Amino acid sequence: MRGMLGFLPWIVYAVVATSDEWRWGAVTGLVIAVVLVILDRRSGRAWDETVIESSAAVFFACLTVLSLADPHSPLTPYGPALVNVWLAGTAWGSLAVRKPFTLGIARTKAPRQVWDHPRFIRLNVVLTTTWAVAFTVAAIALTVVLHASLHATATVVAIKVLSFVVPAAFTAWYPNHVRRAGAVG
């Protein structure tokens, strides 16, 4: 559950921001992300445990500046897609540097003796890849839907919800499946 709290700024942005008023969503996302990072760091969480929160702080800082500087930017209607592009970039980037973003979170729940085990790392590569694929697919789908129609609210909401629910459900299921199969201590 704690790992999912890192997605709070993204979820709140999705609820608060609308295609014509993304500024409030950006500012709200930024405030929540910064507060989460500060609380996490004060509680002793390592940077690798706060990848999503830290990424949110950077994204929402940039989006806040853009939305205040150019509130009628042509990017405005694509806010939901931009979120998924950024999250996909964060997930794929963490895989590219061989530090899957789920690894820091998983280490808080796993015994230290499995942290460097190749199967534990592989499990987190699979989890992070699942999130990366979900964000990528959602970014593409949202871009297509938003480009085709600015009034596709139900479709946009469904895509946004599925882009979090599907990988979250897989993240809840997969480690238990791997443990039952005896692949990771």
N, C-alpha and C. Protein backbone atom coordinates (compact mmCIF):
# COMPACT_ATOMS: atom_id res chain seq x y z
N MET A 1 0.82 -1.20 0.00
CA MET A 1 0.00 0.00 0.00
C MET A 1 0.86 1.26 0.00
N ARG A 2 1.96 1.24 0.76
CA ARG A 2 2.82 2.42 0.84
C ARG A 2 3.37 2.78 -0.53
N GLY A 3 3.72 1.77 -1.32
CA GLY A 3 4.24 2.04 -2.66
C GLY A 3 3.23 2.76 -3.53
N MET A 4 1.96 2.49 -3.32
CA MET A 4 0.92 3.14 -4.12
C MET A 4 0.73 4.60 -3.74
N LEU A 5 1.11 4.98 -2.53
CA LEU A 5 0.98 6.37 -2.10
C LEU A 5 1.79 7.29 -3.00
N GLY A 6 2.87 6.78 -3.57
CA GLY A 6 3.70 7.57 -4.48
C GLY A 6 2.95 8.03 -5.72
N PHE A 7 1.87 7.33 -6.05
CA PHE A 7 1.07 7.72 -7.21
C PHE A 7 0.01 8.77 -6.88
N LEU A 8 -0.10 9.14 -5.60
CA LEU A 8 -1.12 10.11 -5.19
C LEU A 8 -1.06 11.42 -5.98
N PRO A 9 0.11 12.03 -6.19
CA PRO A 9 0.12 13.29 -6.96
C PRO A 9 -0.46 13.11 -8.37
N TRP A 10 -0.18 11.98 -8.98
CA TRP A 10 -0.65 11.70 -10.33
C TRP A 10 -2.16 11.51 -10.34
N ILE A 11 -2.66 10.81 -9.35
CA ILE A 11 -4.09 10.55 -9.26
C ILE A 11 -4.85 11.84 -8.96
N VAL A 12 -4.33 12.62 -8.03
CA VAL A 12 -4.99 13.90 -7.70
C VAL A 12 -4.97 14.83 -8.91
N TYR A 13 -3.87 14.87 -9.63
CA TYR A 13 -3.81 15.68 -10.85
C TYR A 13 -4.91 15.24 -11.83
N ALA A 14 -5.07 13.93 -11.99
CA ALA A 14 -6.08 13.42 -12.92
C ALA A 14 -7.48 13.85 -12.51
N VAL A 15 -7.72 13.96 -11.20
CA VAL A 15 -9.03 14.36 -10.71
C VAL A 15 -9.23 15.87 -10.79
N VAL A 16 -8.21 16.63 -10.40
CA VAL A 16 -8.33 18.09 -10.31
C VAL A 16 -8.24 18.77 -11.68
N ALA A 17 -7.30 18.32 -12.50
CA ALA A 17 -7.07 18.98 -13.78
C ALA A 17 -8.18 18.65 -14.77
N THR A 18 -8.52 19.64 -15.52
CA THR A 18 -9.43 19.44 -16.65
C THR A 18 -8.73 19.99 -17.87
N SER A 19 -9.29 19.72 -19.02
CA SER A 19 -8.63 20.18 -20.24
C SER A 19 -8.51 21.69 -20.29
N ASP A 20 -9.43 22.44 -19.63
CA ASP A 20 -9.29 23.89 -19.69
C ASP A 20 -8.63 24.48 -18.45
N GLU A 21 -8.48 23.72 -17.41
CA GLU A 21 -7.87 24.29 -16.20
C GLU A 21 -6.88 23.34 -15.58
N TRP A 22 -5.78 23.15 -16.27
CA TRP A 22 -4.76 22.22 -15.80
C TRP A 22 -3.85 22.85 -14.76
N ARG A 23 -3.89 24.18 -14.63
CA ARG A 23 -2.99 24.86 -13.68
C ARG A 23 -3.20 24.36 -12.26
N TRP A 24 -4.47 24.26 -11.83
CA TRP A 24 -4.74 23.82 -10.47
C TRP A 24 -4.29 22.38 -10.25
N GLY A 25 -4.46 21.56 -11.24
CA GLY A 25 -3.99 20.18 -11.14
C GLY A 25 -2.48 20.11 -11.01
N ALA A 26 -1.79 20.93 -11.82
CA ALA A 26 -0.32 20.95 -11.79
C ALA A 26 0.19 21.42 -10.42
N VAL A 27 -0.38 22.50 -9.93
CA VAL A 27 0.05 23.05 -8.63
C VAL A 27 -0.25 22.05 -7.51
N THR A 28 -1.44 21.46 -7.54
CA THR A 28 -1.81 20.48 -6.51
C THR A 28 -0.89 19.26 -6.57
N GLY A 29 -0.63 18.76 -7.77
CA GLY A 29 0.28 17.63 -7.92
C GLY A 29 1.67 17.95 -7.40
N LEU A 30 2.14 19.17 -7.70
CA LEU A 30 3.47 19.60 -7.23
C LEU A 30 3.52 19.64 -5.71
N VAL A 31 2.53 20.25 -5.09
CA VAL A 31 2.51 20.36 -3.62
C VAL A 31 2.51 18.97 -2.98
N ILE A 32 1.65 18.09 -3.47
CA ILE A 32 1.57 16.74 -2.89
C ILE A 32 2.88 15.99 -3.10
N ALA A 33 3.46 16.09 -4.30
CA ALA A 33 4.72 15.38 -4.58
C ALA A 33 5.85 15.87 -3.67
N VAL A 34 5.96 17.18 -3.53
CA VAL A 34 7.03 17.74 -2.69
C VAL A 34 6.83 17.33 -1.24
N VAL A 35 5.59 17.39 -0.75
CA VAL A 35 5.31 16.97 0.62
C VAL A 35 5.67 15.49 0.81
N LEU A 36 5.30 14.64 -0.14
CA LEU A 36 5.65 13.21 -0.03
C LEU A 36 7.16 12.99 0.00
N VAL A 37 7.88 13.68 -0.88
CA VAL A 37 9.34 13.53 -0.90
C VAL A 37 9.94 13.97 0.43
N ILE A 38 9.50 15.11 0.93
CA ILE A 38 10.02 15.61 2.21
C ILE A 38 9.71 14.62 3.34
N LEU A 39 8.46 14.16 3.41
CA LEU A 39 8.09 13.21 4.47
C LEU A 39 8.87 11.90 4.34
N ASP A 40 9.01 11.42 3.10
CA ASP A 40 9.77 10.19 2.88
C ASP A 40 11.22 10.33 3.31
N ARG A 41 11.83 11.41 2.92
CA ARG A 41 13.25 11.60 3.26
C ARG A 41 13.43 11.80 4.76
N ARG A 42 12.53 12.54 5.39
CA ARG A 42 12.61 12.73 6.85
C ARG A 42 12.41 11.43 7.61
N SER A 43 11.62 10.53 7.03
CA SER A 43 11.37 9.25 7.71
C SER A 43 12.49 8.24 7.43
N GLY A 44 13.50 8.66 6.66
CA GLY A 44 14.65 7.80 6.41
C GLY A 44 14.56 6.98 5.14
N ARG A 45 13.57 7.21 4.33
CA ARG A 45 13.46 6.48 3.06
C ARG A 45 14.60 6.88 2.14
N ALA A 46 15.16 5.88 1.49
CA ALA A 46 16.25 6.12 0.54
C ALA A 46 15.66 6.67 -0.76
N TRP A 47 16.52 7.29 -1.57
CA TRP A 47 16.06 7.85 -2.85
C TRP A 47 15.46 6.78 -3.76
N ASP A 48 16.03 5.56 -3.71
CA ASP A 48 15.49 4.52 -4.60
C ASP A 48 14.09 4.05 -4.18
N GLU A 49 13.66 4.44 -2.98
CA GLU A 49 12.31 4.13 -2.53
C GLU A 49 11.32 5.21 -2.94
N THR A 50 11.83 6.33 -3.44
CA THR A 50 10.97 7.48 -3.74
C THR A 50 11.08 7.92 -5.20
N VAL A 51 11.35 6.98 -6.08
CA VAL A 51 11.53 7.32 -7.50
C VAL A 51 10.27 7.96 -8.07
N ILE A 52 9.11 7.36 -7.82
CA ILE A 52 7.87 7.88 -8.38
C ILE A 52 7.53 9.25 -7.78
N GLU A 53 7.71 9.40 -6.48
CA GLU A 53 7.44 10.69 -5.84
C GLU A 53 8.39 11.77 -6.34
N SER A 54 9.67 11.43 -6.46
CA SER A 54 10.66 12.40 -6.94
C SER A 54 10.39 12.75 -8.39
N SER A 55 10.05 11.76 -9.19
CA SER A 55 9.71 12.00 -10.59
C SER A 55 8.49 12.91 -10.67
N ALA A 56 7.51 12.69 -9.81
CA ALA A 56 6.31 13.54 -9.79
C ALA A 56 6.68 14.98 -9.46
N ALA A 57 7.58 15.18 -8.51
CA ALA A 57 7.98 16.54 -8.14
C ALA A 57 8.60 17.27 -9.34
N VAL A 58 9.45 16.58 -10.07
CA VAL A 58 10.07 17.20 -11.26
C VAL A 58 9.02 17.47 -12.33
N PHE A 59 8.19 16.48 -12.62
CA PHE A 59 7.16 16.64 -13.64
C PHE A 59 6.22 17.80 -13.30
N PHE A 60 5.70 17.81 -12.09
CA PHE A 60 4.72 18.83 -11.74
C PHE A 60 5.36 20.21 -11.59
N ALA A 61 6.64 20.27 -11.26
CA ALA A 61 7.33 21.57 -11.27
C ALA A 61 7.37 22.11 -12.70
N CYS A 62 7.73 21.24 -13.64
CA CYS A 62 7.78 21.66 -15.06
C CYS A 62 6.39 22.01 -15.57
N LEU A 63 5.41 21.17 -15.24
CA LEU A 63 4.05 21.41 -15.71
C LEU A 63 3.45 22.67 -15.10
N THR A 64 3.77 22.93 -13.84
CA THR A 64 3.28 24.14 -13.19
C THR A 64 3.83 25.37 -13.90
N VAL A 65 5.13 25.37 -14.17
CA VAL A 65 5.73 26.50 -14.88
C VAL A 65 5.08 26.67 -16.25
N LEU A 66 4.95 25.58 -17.00
CA LEU A 66 4.34 25.65 -18.33
C LEU A 66 2.90 26.13 -18.26
N SER A 67 2.12 25.57 -17.35
CA SER A 67 0.70 25.91 -17.28
C SER A 67 0.47 27.35 -16.82
N LEU A 68 1.37 27.88 -16.00
CA LEU A 68 1.24 29.28 -15.58
C LEU A 68 1.76 30.24 -16.65
N ALA A 69 2.83 29.84 -17.31
CA ALA A 69 3.42 30.70 -18.35
C ALA A 69 2.56 30.73 -19.61
N ASP A 70 1.93 29.60 -19.93
CA ASP A 70 1.13 29.52 -21.15
C ASP A 70 -0.12 28.68 -20.88
N PRO A 71 -1.10 29.29 -20.17
CA PRO A 71 -2.29 28.52 -19.78
C PRO A 71 -3.10 27.97 -20.96
N HIS A 72 -2.92 28.53 -22.13
CA HIS A 72 -3.67 28.07 -23.31
C HIS A 72 -2.74 27.36 -24.29
N SER A 73 -1.71 26.75 -23.76
CA SER A 73 -0.76 26.00 -24.58
C SER A 73 -1.49 24.94 -25.40
N PRO A 74 -0.99 24.65 -26.59
CA PRO A 74 -1.60 23.57 -27.37
C PRO A 74 -1.46 22.20 -26.69
N LEU A 75 -0.61 22.12 -25.66
CA LEU A 75 -0.46 20.87 -24.91
C LEU A 75 -1.57 20.67 -23.88
N THR A 76 -2.30 21.73 -23.59
CA THR A 76 -3.32 21.68 -22.53
C THR A 76 -4.24 20.47 -22.63
N PRO A 77 -4.84 20.20 -23.78
CA PRO A 77 -5.77 19.05 -23.83
C PRO A 77 -5.07 17.70 -23.66
N TYR A 78 -3.75 17.70 -23.79
CA TYR A 78 -3.01 16.43 -23.73
C TYR A 78 -2.41 16.16 -22.35
N GLY A 79 -2.84 16.90 -21.34
CA GLY A 79 -2.33 16.71 -19.98
C GLY A 79 -2.35 15.26 -19.52
N PRO A 80 -3.47 14.55 -19.68
CA PRO A 80 -3.49 13.14 -19.25
C PRO A 80 -2.46 12.29 -19.98
N ALA A 81 -2.28 12.54 -21.26
CA ALA A 81 -1.28 11.77 -22.03
C ALA A 81 0.13 12.13 -21.57
N LEU A 82 0.37 13.41 -21.28
CA LEU A 82 1.70 13.83 -20.82
C LEU A 82 2.08 13.12 -19.52
N VAL A 83 1.12 12.95 -18.63
CA VAL A 83 1.37 12.23 -17.38
C VAL A 83 1.89 10.83 -17.68
N ASN A 84 1.19 10.13 -18.58
CA ASN A 84 1.61 8.76 -18.90
C ASN A 84 2.91 8.71 -19.67
N VAL A 85 3.16 9.70 -20.52
CA VAL A 85 4.46 9.77 -21.21
C VAL A 85 5.57 9.89 -20.17
N TRP A 86 5.38 10.78 -19.20
CA TRP A 86 6.41 10.99 -18.17
C TRP A 86 6.60 9.74 -17.31
N LEU A 87 5.47 9.15 -16.88
CA LEU A 87 5.57 7.94 -16.06
C LEU A 87 6.22 6.80 -16.84
N ALA A 88 5.88 6.66 -18.11
CA ALA A 88 6.52 5.64 -18.95
C ALA A 88 8.01 5.91 -19.03
N GLY A 89 8.38 7.17 -19.24
CA GLY A 89 9.80 7.53 -19.29
C GLY A 89 10.52 7.22 -17.99
N THR A 90 9.85 7.48 -16.88
CA THR A 90 10.43 7.17 -15.57
C THR A 90 10.65 5.67 -15.43
N ALA A 91 9.63 4.89 -15.77
CA ALA A 91 9.74 3.43 -15.63
C ALA A 91 10.78 2.86 -16.59
N TRP A 92 10.69 3.23 -17.88
CA TRP A 92 11.68 2.73 -18.86
C TRP A 92 13.09 3.21 -18.50
N GLY A 93 13.21 4.46 -18.04
CA GLY A 93 14.51 4.99 -17.64
C GLY A 93 15.11 4.22 -16.48
N SER A 94 14.27 3.86 -15.51
CA SER A 94 14.79 3.10 -14.37
C SER A 94 15.27 1.71 -14.82
N LEU A 95 14.60 1.15 -15.81
CA LEU A 95 15.05 -0.13 -16.36
C LEU A 95 16.35 0.04 -17.15
N ALA A 96 16.46 1.14 -17.88
CA ALA A 96 17.66 1.39 -18.69
C ALA A 96 18.91 1.52 -17.82
N VAL A 97 18.76 2.09 -16.63
CA VAL A 97 19.91 2.24 -15.73
C VAL A 97 20.03 1.05 -14.77
N ARG A 98 19.25 0.02 -15.04
CA ARG A 98 19.27 -1.22 -14.26
C ARG A 98 18.91 -1.03 -12.79
N LYS A 99 17.98 -0.09 -12.56
CA LYS A 99 17.47 0.16 -11.21
C LYS A 99 15.95 0.27 -11.31
N PRO A 100 15.25 -0.86 -11.52
CA PRO A 100 13.80 -0.81 -11.67
C PRO A 100 13.17 -0.04 -10.50
N PHE A 101 12.26 0.87 -10.81
CA PHE A 101 11.72 1.72 -9.74
C PHE A 101 11.01 0.92 -8.65
N THR A 102 10.54 -0.28 -8.95
CA THR A 102 9.87 -1.09 -7.92
C THR A 102 10.85 -1.71 -6.94
N LEU A 103 12.12 -1.76 -7.30
CA LEU A 103 13.13 -2.44 -6.47
C LEU A 103 13.29 -1.79 -5.10
N GLY A 104 13.39 -0.47 -5.06
CA GLY A 104 13.54 0.22 -3.77
C GLY A 104 12.35 -0.01 -2.86
N ILE A 105 11.16 -0.03 -3.44
CA ILE A 105 9.94 -0.28 -2.67
C ILE A 105 9.92 -1.72 -2.20
N ALA A 106 10.26 -2.65 -3.08
CA ALA A 106 10.24 -4.08 -2.74
C ALA A 106 11.24 -4.40 -1.63
N ARG A 107 12.36 -3.71 -1.62
CA ARG A 107 13.37 -3.97 -0.58
C ARG A 107 12.85 -3.63 0.81
N THR A 108 11.90 -2.71 0.90
CA THR A 108 11.35 -2.38 2.22
C THR A 108 10.47 -3.50 2.76
N LYS A 109 10.06 -4.42 1.88
CA LYS A 109 9.15 -5.49 2.28
C LYS A 109 9.80 -6.86 2.29
N ALA A 110 11.02 -6.96 1.77
CA ALA A 110 11.68 -8.25 1.63
C ALA A 110 12.86 -8.35 2.59
N PRO A 111 13.20 -9.57 3.00
CA PRO A 111 14.37 -9.74 3.85
C PRO A 111 15.65 -9.35 3.09
N ARG A 112 16.58 -8.78 3.81
CA ARG A 112 17.82 -8.28 3.21
C ARG A 112 18.56 -9.35 2.41
N GLN A 113 18.49 -10.60 2.84
CA GLN A 113 19.25 -11.65 2.16
C GLN A 113 18.80 -11.90 0.72
N VAL A 114 17.61 -11.43 0.31
CA VAL A 114 17.18 -11.64 -1.07
C VAL A 114 17.38 -10.41 -1.96
N TRP A 115 17.77 -9.29 -1.38
CA TRP A 115 17.85 -8.03 -2.12
C TRP A 115 18.72 -8.12 -3.38
N ASP A 116 19.82 -8.82 -3.30
CA ASP A 116 20.73 -8.90 -4.44
C ASP A 116 20.58 -10.20 -5.23
N HIS A 117 19.61 -10.99 -4.86
CA HIS A 117 19.38 -12.26 -5.55
C HIS A 117 18.86 -11.97 -6.96
N PRO A 118 19.43 -12.62 -7.97
CA PRO A 118 19.00 -12.37 -9.36
C PRO A 118 17.50 -12.57 -9.58
N ARG A 119 16.89 -13.51 -8.89
CA ARG A 119 15.45 -13.74 -9.08
C ARG A 119 14.63 -12.60 -8.49
N PHE A 120 15.08 -12.04 -7.38
CA PHE A 120 14.39 -10.89 -6.77
C PHE A 120 14.50 -9.69 -7.70
N ILE A 121 15.67 -9.48 -8.23
CA ILE A 121 15.87 -8.38 -9.17
C ILE A 121 15.03 -8.61 -10.42
N ARG A 122 15.01 -9.84 -10.92
CA ARG A 122 14.21 -10.17 -12.11
C ARG A 122 12.72 -9.92 -11.85
N LEU A 123 12.23 -10.30 -10.67
CA LEU A 123 10.85 -10.05 -10.31
C LEU A 123 10.53 -8.57 -10.45
N ASN A 124 11.44 -7.72 -9.97
CA ASN A 124 11.22 -6.28 -10.04
C ASN A 124 11.38 -5.72 -11.45
N VAL A 125 12.20 -6.36 -12.26
CA VAL A 125 12.28 -5.97 -13.67
C VAL A 125 10.93 -6.25 -14.34
N VAL A 126 10.34 -7.41 -14.04
CA VAL A 126 9.04 -7.76 -14.60
C VAL A 126 7.97 -6.78 -14.13
N LEU A 127 7.96 -6.47 -12.84
CA LEU A 127 6.97 -5.52 -12.31
C LEU A 127 7.12 -4.14 -12.95
N THR A 128 8.35 -3.64 -13.00
CA THR A 128 8.58 -2.32 -13.57
C THR A 128 8.25 -2.30 -15.06
N THR A 129 8.57 -3.38 -15.75
CA THR A 129 8.23 -3.48 -17.17
C THR A 129 6.71 -3.44 -17.36
N THR A 130 5.99 -4.11 -16.48
CA THR A 130 4.53 -4.10 -16.55
C THR A 130 4.00 -2.67 -16.43
N TRP A 131 4.52 -1.92 -15.45
CA TRP A 131 4.12 -0.52 -15.28
C TRP A 131 4.52 0.30 -16.51
N ALA A 132 5.72 0.08 -17.01
CA ALA A 132 6.19 0.84 -18.18
C ALA A 132 5.31 0.60 -19.40
N VAL A 133 4.97 -0.66 -19.63
CA VAL A 133 4.10 -0.99 -20.76
C VAL A 133 2.72 -0.36 -20.57
N ALA A 134 2.17 -0.47 -19.37
CA ALA A 134 0.84 0.11 -19.10
C ALA A 134 0.85 1.62 -19.35
N PHE A 135 1.89 2.29 -18.86
CA PHE A 135 1.98 3.75 -19.07
C PHE A 135 2.16 4.10 -20.54
N THR A 136 2.94 3.31 -21.24
CA THR A 136 3.18 3.56 -22.66
C THR A 136 1.90 3.37 -23.47
N VAL A 137 1.22 2.27 -23.23
CA VAL A 137 -0.04 2.01 -23.93
C VAL A 137 -1.05 3.11 -23.62
N ALA A 138 -1.15 3.49 -22.35
CA ALA A 138 -2.08 4.55 -21.97
C ALA A 138 -1.71 5.88 -22.63
N ALA A 139 -0.43 6.20 -22.69
CA ALA A 139 0.00 7.46 -23.33
C ALA A 139 -0.43 7.49 -24.79
N ILE A 140 -0.22 6.39 -25.47
CA ILE A 140 -0.59 6.32 -26.89
C ILE A 140 -2.12 6.40 -27.03
N ALA A 141 -2.83 5.60 -26.24
CA ALA A 141 -4.30 5.59 -26.32
C ALA A 141 -4.88 6.97 -25.99
N LEU A 142 -4.35 7.59 -24.94
CA LEU A 142 -4.86 8.92 -24.56
C LEU A 142 -4.57 9.96 -25.64
N THR A 143 -3.39 9.89 -26.23
CA THR A 143 -3.06 10.83 -27.29
C THR A 143 -4.03 10.68 -28.46
N VAL A 144 -4.30 9.45 -28.85
CA VAL A 144 -5.22 9.20 -29.97
C VAL A 144 -6.63 9.69 -29.61
N VAL A 145 -7.11 9.30 -28.43
CA VAL A 145 -8.47 9.68 -28.02
C VAL A 145 -8.59 11.20 -27.88
N LEU A 146 -7.63 11.83 -27.25
CA LEU A 146 -7.69 13.27 -27.04
C LEU A 146 -7.56 14.03 -28.34
N HIS A 147 -6.76 13.52 -29.24
CA HIS A 147 -6.62 14.16 -30.55
C HIS A 147 -7.90 14.04 -31.37
N ALA A 148 -8.56 12.89 -31.26
CA ALA A 148 -9.78 12.65 -32.04
C ALA A 148 -10.99 13.41 -31.51
N SER A 149 -11.06 13.55 -30.17
CA SER A 149 -12.24 14.20 -29.59
C SER A 149 -11.93 14.74 -28.21
N LEU A 150 -12.19 16.00 -28.02
CA LEU A 150 -11.97 16.60 -26.70
C LEU A 150 -13.10 16.27 -25.74
N HIS A 151 -14.13 15.57 -26.22
CA HIS A 151 -15.28 15.27 -25.37
C HIS A 151 -15.39 13.78 -25.07
N ALA A 152 -14.30 13.09 -25.01
CA ALA A 152 -14.28 11.65 -24.75
C ALA A 152 -13.98 11.38 -23.29
N THR A 153 -14.66 12.09 -22.40
CA THR A 153 -14.35 12.03 -20.98
C THR A 153 -14.39 10.62 -20.41
N ALA A 154 -15.42 9.87 -20.71
CA ALA A 154 -15.54 8.51 -20.15
C ALA A 154 -14.40 7.62 -20.63
N THR A 155 -14.02 7.75 -21.88
CA THR A 155 -12.92 6.95 -22.42
C THR A 155 -11.60 7.35 -21.77
N VAL A 156 -11.37 8.64 -21.62
CA VAL A 156 -10.15 9.13 -20.98
C VAL A 156 -10.06 8.62 -19.55
N VAL A 157 -11.16 8.72 -18.82
CA VAL A 157 -11.17 8.25 -17.43
C VAL A 157 -10.91 6.75 -17.39
N ALA A 158 -11.53 5.99 -18.27
CA ALA A 158 -11.32 4.54 -18.29
C ALA A 158 -9.86 4.20 -18.56
N ILE A 159 -9.25 4.88 -19.51
CA ILE A 159 -7.83 4.62 -19.83
C ILE A 159 -6.96 4.97 -18.64
N LYS A 160 -7.22 6.13 -18.02
CA LYS A 160 -6.41 6.54 -16.87
C LYS A 160 -6.54 5.54 -15.72
N VAL A 161 -7.76 5.12 -15.44
CA VAL A 161 -7.98 4.17 -14.34
C VAL A 161 -7.29 2.84 -14.66
N LEU A 162 -7.49 2.33 -15.86
CA LEU A 162 -6.88 1.05 -16.23
C LEU A 162 -5.36 1.10 -16.21
N SER A 163 -4.78 2.27 -16.55
CA SER A 163 -3.32 2.37 -16.58
C SER A 163 -2.71 2.27 -15.18
N PHE A 164 -3.52 2.42 -14.15
CA PHE A 164 -3.04 2.22 -12.78
C PHE A 164 -3.55 0.90 -12.19
N VAL A 165 -4.79 0.58 -12.43
CA VAL A 165 -5.40 -0.60 -11.81
C VAL A 165 -4.78 -1.90 -12.32
N VAL A 166 -4.59 -2.00 -13.62
CA VAL A 166 -4.05 -3.25 -14.19
C VAL A 166 -2.64 -3.53 -13.66
N PRO A 167 -1.69 -2.59 -13.76
CA PRO A 167 -0.36 -2.91 -13.22
C PRO A 167 -0.35 -3.04 -11.69
N ALA A 168 -1.23 -2.31 -11.00
CA ALA A 168 -1.30 -2.45 -9.54
C ALA A 168 -1.78 -3.86 -9.16
N ALA A 169 -2.79 -4.34 -9.87
CA ALA A 169 -3.28 -5.70 -9.60
C ALA A 169 -2.20 -6.73 -9.91
N PHE A 170 -1.49 -6.54 -11.01
CA PHE A 170 -0.40 -7.46 -11.34
C PHE A 170 0.70 -7.40 -10.27
N THR A 171 1.01 -6.19 -9.80
CA THR A 171 2.03 -6.01 -8.76
C THR A 171 1.62 -6.71 -7.47
N ALA A 172 0.34 -6.71 -7.16
CA ALA A 172 -0.14 -7.40 -5.96
C ALA A 172 -0.10 -8.92 -6.14
N TRP A 173 -0.38 -9.39 -7.35
CA TRP A 173 -0.47 -10.82 -7.61
C TRP A 173 0.89 -11.47 -7.87
N TYR A 174 1.71 -10.87 -8.69
CA TYR A 174 2.91 -11.53 -9.22
C TYR A 174 3.92 -11.97 -8.15
N PRO A 175 4.29 -11.14 -7.19
CA PRO A 175 5.26 -11.61 -6.19
C PRO A 175 4.78 -12.85 -5.43
N ASN A 176 3.49 -12.89 -5.11
CA ASN A 176 2.94 -14.09 -4.43
C ASN A 176 3.00 -15.30 -5.34
N HIS A 177 2.71 -15.10 -6.59
CA HIS A 177 2.81 -16.18 -7.58
C HIS A 177 4.24 -16.72 -7.67
N VAL A 178 5.20 -15.82 -7.71
CA VAL A 178 6.60 -16.22 -7.80
C VAL A 178 7.02 -16.96 -6.53
N ARG A 179 6.60 -16.45 -5.36
CA ARG A 179 6.92 -17.11 -4.09
C ARG A 179 6.32 -18.52 -4.04
N ARG A 180 5.05 -18.63 -4.45
CA ARG A 180 4.40 -19.96 -4.45
C ARG A 180 5.13 -20.92 -5.39
N ALA A 181 5.65 -20.38 -6.47
CA ALA A 181 6.38 -21.22 -7.43
C ALA A 181 7.77 -21.56 -6.90
N GLY A 182 8.17 -20.93 -5.77
CA GLY A 182 9.45 -21.22 -5.17
C GLY A 182 10.63 -20.55 -5.83
N ALA A 183 10.37 -19.50 -6.61
CA ALA A 183 11.45 -18.86 -7.36
C ALA A 183 12.22 -17.84 -6.54
N VAL A 184 11.62 -17.22 -5.53
CA VAL A 184 12.31 -16.22 -4.71
C VAL A 184 12.01 -16.53 -3.26
N GLY A 185 13.09 -16.47 -2.42
CA GLY A 185 13.00 -16.75 -1.00
C GLY A 185 11.92 -16.05 -0.34
